[in-house]
Amino acid sequence: MPLPKRKNQDSDKTARQAPSEGPDQLETARYIAALTAELSMMARRADLPLLSYFLEMARTEAANAAQPLRRAGKATRERQPPSDQG
């Protein structure tokens, strides 16, 4: 008995792939950073240090994701370490 034909998997993959880096991705990362900062503070106030720590790590990752120039290694002059010239 022949197997039923499968849908084109390539079209499914493109539909499921995350959108390329853009305003939506950056906005989402900024929102997650703000939200996890609040949650981390709530956890700290409730004496949940490990949960607070993990939320702070999530906030840090989200904040880094919200800075495309830093991620691409093209930090602005203000963000680069000072040189030892002089």
N, C-alpha and C. Protein backbone atom coordinates (compact mmCIF):
# COMPACT_ATOMS: atom_id res chain seq x y z
N MET A 1 0.84 -1.17 0.00
CA MET A 1 0.00 0.00 0.00
C MET A 1 0.89 1.24 0.00
N PRO A 2 0.67 2.19 -0.92
CA PRO A 2 1.52 3.39 -0.98
C PRO A 2 1.24 4.31 0.20
N LEU A 3 2.30 4.98 0.61
CA LEU A 3 2.19 5.94 1.71
C LEU A 3 1.47 7.20 1.24
N PRO A 4 0.70 7.83 2.12
CA PRO A 4 0.04 9.07 1.71
C PRO A 4 1.08 10.16 1.46
N LYS A 5 0.76 11.03 0.53
CA LYS A 5 1.69 12.13 0.22
C LYS A 5 1.76 13.08 1.40
N ARG A 6 2.97 13.53 1.68
CA ARG A 6 3.18 14.48 2.78
C ARG A 6 3.13 15.89 2.24
N LYS A 7 2.71 16.79 3.12
CA LYS A 7 2.72 18.20 2.74
C LYS A 7 4.15 18.64 2.50
N ASN A 8 4.30 19.68 1.75
CA ASN A 8 5.63 20.23 1.50
C ASN A 8 6.22 20.75 2.81
N GLN A 9 7.25 20.10 3.29
CA GLN A 9 7.84 20.48 4.57
C GLN A 9 8.58 21.81 4.50
N ASP A 10 9.09 22.17 3.35
CA ASP A 10 9.80 23.44 3.22
C ASP A 10 8.89 24.63 3.52
N SER A 11 7.66 24.58 3.03
CA SER A 11 6.76 25.69 3.29
C SER A 11 6.39 25.76 4.76
N ASP A 12 6.29 24.61 5.43
CA ASP A 12 6.02 24.59 6.87
C ASP A 12 7.17 25.22 7.64
N LYS A 13 8.40 24.91 7.25
CA LYS A 13 9.57 25.44 7.95
C LYS A 13 9.62 26.96 7.86
N THR A 14 9.34 27.49 6.69
CA THR A 14 9.41 28.95 6.54
C THR A 14 8.32 29.63 7.36
N ALA A 15 7.18 28.98 7.50
CA ALA A 15 6.11 29.57 8.28
C ALA A 15 6.46 29.57 9.76
N ARG A 16 7.24 28.58 10.22
CA ARG A 16 7.57 28.46 11.64
C ARG A 16 8.84 29.20 12.03
N GLN A 17 9.66 29.61 11.09
CA GLN A 17 10.91 30.28 11.42
C GLN A 17 10.64 31.64 12.05
N ALA A 18 11.51 32.00 12.97
CA ALA A 18 11.39 33.31 13.61
C ALA A 18 11.67 34.40 12.57
N PRO A 19 10.98 35.52 12.69
CA PRO A 19 11.26 36.60 11.74
C PRO A 19 12.68 37.12 11.92
N SER A 20 13.20 37.70 10.87
CA SER A 20 14.56 38.23 10.96
C SER A 20 14.58 39.39 11.96
N GLU A 21 15.78 39.72 12.39
CA GLU A 21 15.93 40.79 13.38
C GLU A 21 15.30 42.06 12.85
N GLY A 22 14.44 42.64 13.63
CA GLY A 22 13.78 43.85 13.20
C GLY A 22 13.07 44.50 14.37
N PRO A 23 12.22 45.46 14.09
CA PRO A 23 11.56 46.21 15.16
C PRO A 23 10.75 45.31 16.09
N ASP A 24 10.02 44.32 15.56
CA ASP A 24 9.22 43.45 16.42
C ASP A 24 10.10 42.66 17.38
N GLN A 25 11.21 42.15 16.88
CA GLN A 25 12.11 41.37 17.72
C GLN A 25 12.73 42.25 18.81
N LEU A 26 13.15 43.43 18.44
CA LEU A 26 13.76 44.33 19.41
C LEU A 26 12.75 44.80 20.45
N GLU A 27 11.52 45.10 20.00
CA GLU A 27 10.46 45.50 20.93
C GLU A 27 10.15 44.39 21.91
N THR A 28 10.09 43.17 21.41
CA THR A 28 9.80 42.03 22.26
C THR A 28 10.90 41.84 23.29
N ALA A 29 12.15 41.96 22.88
CA ALA A 29 13.27 41.81 23.81
C ALA A 29 13.23 42.89 24.88
N ARG A 30 12.90 44.12 24.48
CA ARG A 30 12.81 45.21 25.46
C ARG A 30 11.68 44.96 26.46
N TYR A 31 10.55 44.48 25.96
CA TYR A 31 9.41 44.18 26.83
C TYR A 31 9.77 43.08 27.82
N ILE A 32 10.40 42.03 27.35
CA ILE A 32 10.80 40.92 28.22
C ILE A 32 11.79 41.41 29.28
N ALA A 33 12.72 42.27 28.88
CA ALA A 33 13.68 42.82 29.84
C ALA A 33 12.97 43.59 30.95
N ALA A 34 12.01 44.41 30.58
CA ALA A 34 11.27 45.19 31.57
C ALA A 34 10.43 44.29 32.47
N LEU A 35 9.78 43.32 31.88
CA LEU A 35 8.92 42.43 32.65
C LEU A 35 9.72 41.56 33.62
N THR A 36 10.83 41.02 33.15
CA THR A 36 11.63 40.16 34.04
C THR A 36 12.30 40.99 35.14
N ALA A 37 12.58 42.26 34.89
CA ALA A 37 13.13 43.11 35.95
C ALA A 37 12.11 43.25 37.08
N GLU A 38 10.85 43.47 36.71
CA GLU A 38 9.80 43.58 37.72
C GLU A 38 9.61 42.26 38.46
N LEU A 39 9.61 41.16 37.73
CA LEU A 39 9.42 39.85 38.36
C LEU A 39 10.59 39.51 39.29
N SER A 40 11.79 39.87 38.88
CA SER A 40 12.95 39.63 39.72
C SER A 40 12.84 40.40 41.03
N MET A 41 12.39 41.64 40.94
CA MET A 41 12.21 42.46 42.14
C MET A 41 11.14 41.85 43.05
N MET A 42 10.06 41.36 42.46
CA MET A 42 9.01 40.72 43.25
C MET A 42 9.55 39.48 43.96
N ALA A 43 10.33 38.68 43.24
CA ALA A 43 10.90 37.47 43.83
C ALA A 43 11.85 37.82 44.97
N ARG A 44 12.65 38.87 44.80
CA ARG A 44 13.57 39.29 45.85
C ARG A 44 12.80 39.73 47.10
N ARG A 45 11.73 40.49 46.90
CA ARG A 45 10.92 40.96 48.03
C ARG A 45 10.24 39.79 48.76
N ALA A 46 9.94 38.72 48.01
CA ALA A 46 9.28 37.56 48.60
C ALA A 46 10.29 36.57 49.16
N ASP A 47 11.55 36.97 49.23
CA ASP A 47 12.62 36.13 49.75
C ASP A 47 12.77 34.83 48.94
N LEU A 48 12.82 35.00 47.62
CA LEU A 48 13.04 33.89 46.69
C LEU A 48 14.31 34.19 45.89
N PRO A 49 15.48 34.07 46.52
CA PRO A 49 16.71 34.52 45.88
C PRO A 49 17.08 33.77 44.60
N LEU A 50 16.87 32.46 44.56
CA LEU A 50 17.24 31.72 43.36
C LEU A 50 16.35 32.11 42.18
N LEU A 51 15.08 32.23 42.42
CA LEU A 51 14.16 32.65 41.37
C LEU A 51 14.51 34.06 40.91
N SER A 52 14.82 34.94 41.84
CA SER A 52 15.22 36.30 41.50
C SER A 52 16.47 36.29 40.62
N TYR A 53 17.42 35.43 40.96
CA TYR A 53 18.66 35.32 40.18
C TYR A 53 18.37 34.90 38.74
N PHE A 54 17.55 33.86 38.59
CA PHE A 54 17.25 33.38 37.23
C PHE A 54 16.49 34.43 36.43
N LEU A 55 15.60 35.13 37.07
CA LEU A 55 14.87 36.20 36.37
C LEU A 55 15.82 37.33 35.97
N GLU A 56 16.79 37.62 36.82
CA GLU A 56 17.77 38.65 36.49
C GLU A 56 18.64 38.23 35.31
N MET A 57 18.98 36.94 35.25
CA MET A 57 19.73 36.43 34.10
C MET A 57 18.91 36.55 32.82
N ALA A 58 17.61 36.24 32.91
CA ALA A 58 16.73 36.39 31.76
C ALA A 58 16.64 37.86 31.34
N ARG A 59 16.59 38.76 32.32
CA ARG A 59 16.54 40.20 32.02
C ARG A 59 17.80 40.64 31.29
N THR A 60 18.95 40.14 31.77
CA THR A 60 20.22 40.50 31.15
C THR A 60 20.28 40.01 29.70
N GLU A 61 19.85 38.79 29.47
CA GLU A 61 19.84 38.25 28.11
C GLU A 61 18.91 39.04 27.20
N ALA A 62 17.74 39.37 27.72
CA ALA A 62 16.78 40.14 26.93
C ALA A 62 17.32 41.54 26.63
N ALA A 63 17.96 42.16 27.61
CA ALA A 63 18.53 43.50 27.39
C ALA A 63 19.63 43.44 26.33
N ASN A 64 20.44 42.40 26.36
CA ASN A 64 21.48 42.25 25.33
C ASN A 64 20.86 42.03 23.95
N ALA A 65 19.79 41.27 23.90
CA ALA A 65 19.11 41.02 22.63
C ALA A 65 18.45 42.28 22.09
N ALA A 66 18.15 43.21 22.97
CA ALA A 66 17.51 44.47 22.56
C ALA A 66 18.52 45.48 22.03
N GLN A 67 19.78 45.12 22.01
CA GLN A 67 20.83 46.02 21.52
C GLN A 67 21.51 45.37 20.32
N PRO A 68 20.96 45.54 19.12
CA PRO A 68 21.49 44.84 17.95
C PRO A 68 22.93 45.22 17.61
N LEU A 69 23.34 46.45 17.85
CA LEU A 69 24.71 46.84 17.51
C LEU A 69 25.71 46.13 18.40
N ARG A 70 25.39 46.00 19.67
CA ARG A 70 26.29 45.32 20.59
C ARG A 70 26.40 43.85 20.22
N ARG A 71 25.26 43.21 19.88
CA ARG A 71 25.26 41.80 19.51
C ARG A 71 26.08 41.56 18.25
N ALA A 72 26.05 42.52 17.33
CA ALA A 72 26.76 42.36 16.07
C ALA A 72 28.24 42.71 16.21
N GLY A 73 28.67 43.12 17.41
CA GLY A 73 30.06 43.49 17.62
C GLY A 73 30.40 44.86 17.08
N LYS A 74 29.37 45.68 16.90
CA LYS A 74 29.57 47.03 16.34
C LYS A 74 29.14 48.06 17.37
N ALA A 75 29.62 47.92 18.57
CA ALA A 75 29.22 48.84 19.64
C ALA A 75 29.64 50.26 19.29
N THR A 76 28.85 51.19 19.77
CA THR A 76 29.19 52.59 19.52
C THR A 76 30.42 52.97 20.33
N ARG A 77 30.99 54.08 20.02
CA ARG A 77 32.23 54.51 20.66
C ARG A 77 32.08 54.60 22.18
N GLU A 78 30.91 55.06 22.66
CA GLU A 78 30.69 55.22 24.09
C GLU A 78 30.71 53.87 24.80
N ARG A 79 30.35 52.81 24.11
CA ARG A 79 30.26 51.50 24.74
C ARG A 79 31.55 50.71 24.68
N GLN A 80 32.50 51.18 23.91
CA GLN A 80 33.76 50.46 23.79
C GLN A 80 34.66 50.81 24.97
N PRO A 81 35.50 49.84 25.40
CA PRO A 81 36.38 50.12 26.52
C PRO A 81 37.37 51.22 26.16
N PRO A 82 37.79 52.02 27.14
CA PRO A 82 38.74 53.10 26.86
C PRO A 82 40.06 52.54 26.40
N SER A 83 40.69 53.24 25.49
CA SER A 83 42.01 52.78 25.01
C SER A 83 43.10 53.26 25.96
N ASP A 84 44.24 52.62 25.89
CA ASP A 84 45.37 52.96 26.77
C ASP A 84 46.31 53.98 26.15
N GLN A 85 45.82 54.74 25.20
CA GLN A 85 46.65 55.75 24.56
C GLN A 85 46.74 56.98 25.47
N GLY A 86 47.87 57.66 25.39
CA GLY A 86 47.90 58.93 26.05
C GLY A 86 48.91 59.02 27.06
